[in-house]
Amino acid sequence: MKASDIRELTVEDIRAKIQEEMANYDKMRISHKMAQIENPIQLRSMRKLIARLNSVLTEKLTESKEA
């Protein structure tokens, strides 16, 4: 998901997506600890997506405070 796609979402949708992705990341990380997962690069891409979501959320919250 690109940042431009994320910017089209509402604040509530972004928060829900962050919660969903964090849960998926935790599950995948635990399964990676137990046994090797097929594509360990997915962990990195999930972390980047969560960071991207948090960045856009912060931008939106800052914009709403300024206005």
C-alpha atoms as a PDB file:
ATOM      1  CA  MET A   1       0.000   0.000   0.000  1.00  0.00           C
ATOM      2  CA  LYS A   2       1.496   3.286  -1.092  1.00  0.00           C
ATOM      3  CA  ALA A   3       1.436   6.480   0.954  1.00  0.00           C
ATOM      4  CA  SER A   4      -0.825   8.116  -1.631  1.00  0.00           C
ATOM      5  CA  ASP A   5      -3.356   5.308  -1.129  1.00  0.00           C
ATOM      6  CA  ILE A   6      -3.127   5.673   2.634  1.00  0.00           C
ATOM      7  CA  ARG A   7      -3.699   9.430   2.466  1.00  0.00           C
ATOM      8  CA  GLU A   8      -7.107   8.793   0.893  1.00  0.00           C
ATOM      9  CA  LEU A   9      -8.262   6.899   4.006  1.00  0.00           C
ATOM     10  CA  THR A  10      -9.897   8.526   7.015  1.00  0.00           C
ATOM     11  CA  VAL A  11      -8.182   8.725  10.403  1.00  0.00           C
ATOM     12  CA  GLU A  12     -10.415   5.967  11.791  1.00  0.00           C
ATOM     13  CA  ASP A  13      -9.648   3.713   8.816  1.00  0.00           C
ATOM     14  CA  ILE A  14      -5.916   4.283   9.259  1.00  0.00           C
ATOM     15  CA  ARG A  15      -6.105   3.438  12.963  1.00  0.00           C
ATOM     16  CA  ALA A  16      -8.033   0.249  12.176  1.00  0.00           C
ATOM     17  CA  LYS A  17      -5.507  -0.691   9.493  1.00  0.00           C
ATOM     18  CA  ILE A  18      -2.615  -0.122  11.944  1.00  0.00           C
ATOM     19  CA  GLN A  19      -4.238  -2.442  14.495  1.00  0.00           C
ATOM     20  CA  GLU A  20      -4.850  -5.079  11.830  1.00  0.00           C
ATOM     21  CA  GLU A  21      -1.306  -4.932  10.463  1.00  0.00           C
ATOM     22  CA  MET A  22       0.230  -5.002  13.956  1.00  0.00           C
ATOM     23  CA  ALA A  23      -1.744  -8.160  14.764  1.00  0.00           C
ATOM     24  CA  ASN A  24      -0.628  -9.766  11.489  1.00  0.00           C
ATOM     25  CA  TYR A  25       2.974  -8.749  12.143  1.00  0.00           C
ATOM     26  CA  ASP A  26       2.925 -10.218  15.653  1.00  0.00           C
ATOM     27  CA  LYS A  27       1.508 -13.511  14.381  1.00  0.00           C
ATOM     28  CA  MET A  28       4.083 -13.719  11.623  1.00  0.00           C
ATOM     29  CA  ARG A  29       6.947 -12.846  13.951  1.00  0.00           C
ATOM     30  CA  ILE A  30       5.921 -15.560  16.403  1.00  0.00           C
ATOM     31  CA  SER A  31       5.594 -18.128  13.630  1.00  0.00           C
ATOM     32  CA  HIS A  32       9.034 -17.094  12.371  1.00  0.00           C
ATOM     33  CA  LYS A  33      10.483 -17.722  15.842  1.00  0.00           C
ATOM     34  CA  MET A  34       8.948 -21.205  15.947  1.00  0.00           C
ATOM     35  CA  ALA A  35       9.865 -22.250  12.407  1.00  0.00           C
ATOM     36  CA  GLN A  36      11.361 -20.601   9.364  1.00  0.00           C
ATOM     37  CA  ILE A  37       8.697 -18.797   7.343  1.00  0.00           C
ATOM     38  CA  GLU A  38       8.669 -19.032   3.571  1.00  0.00           C
ATOM     39  CA  ASN A  39       9.490 -15.379   2.898  1.00  0.00           C
ATOM     40  CA  PRO A  40      11.217 -13.602   5.816  1.00  0.00           C
ATOM     41  CA  ILE A  41      11.379 -10.372   3.783  1.00  0.00           C
ATOM     42  CA  GLN A  42       7.650 -10.029   4.498  1.00  0.00           C
ATOM     43  CA  LEU A  43       8.517  -9.050   8.060  1.00  0.00           C
ATOM     44  CA  ARG A  44      10.473  -6.052   6.796  1.00  0.00           C
ATOM     45  CA  SER A  45       7.752  -4.994   4.375  1.00  0.00           C
ATOM     46  CA  MET A  46       5.128  -5.251   7.131  1.00  0.00           C
ATOM     47  CA  ARG A  47       7.227  -3.061   9.437  1.00  0.00           C
ATOM     48  CA  LYS A  48       7.589  -0.496   6.654  1.00  0.00           C
ATOM     49  CA  LEU A  49       3.843  -0.515   6.009  1.00  0.00           C
ATOM     50  CA  ILE A  50       3.111   0.041   9.701  1.00  0.00           C
ATOM     51  CA  ALA A  51       5.599   2.921   9.773  1.00  0.00           C
ATOM     52  CA  ARG A  52       4.022   4.402   6.646  1.00  0.00           C
ATOM     53  CA  LEU A  53       0.561   4.169   8.227  1.00  0.00           C
ATOM     54  CA  ASN A  54       1.802   5.842  11.406  1.00  0.00           C
ATOM     55  CA  SER A  55       3.470   8.631   9.428  1.00  0.00           C
ATOM     56  CA  VAL A  56       0.349   9.443   7.442  1.00  0.00           C
ATOM     57  CA  LEU A  57      -1.750   9.293  10.620  1.00  0.00           C
ATOM     58  CA  THR A  58       0.571  11.806  12.280  1.00  0.00           C
ATOM     59  CA  GLU A  59       0.367  14.073   9.210  1.00  0.00           C
ATOM     60  CA  LYS A  60      -3.422  13.985   9.265  1.00  0.00           C
ATOM     61  CA  LEU A  61      -3.626  14.658  12.991  1.00  0.00           C
ATOM     62  CA  THR A  62      -1.176  17.568  12.677  1.00  0.00           C
ATOM     63  CA  GLU A  63      -3.163  19.055   9.793  1.00  0.00           C
ATOM     64  CA  SER A  64      -6.409  18.851  11.755  1.00  0.00           C
ATOM     65  CA  LYS A  65      -4.819  20.619  14.757  1.00  0.00           C
ATOM     66  CA  GLU A  66      -3.447  23.428  12.573  1.00  0.00           C
ATOM     67  CA  ALA A  67      -6.782  24.088  10.857  1.00  0.00           C
END
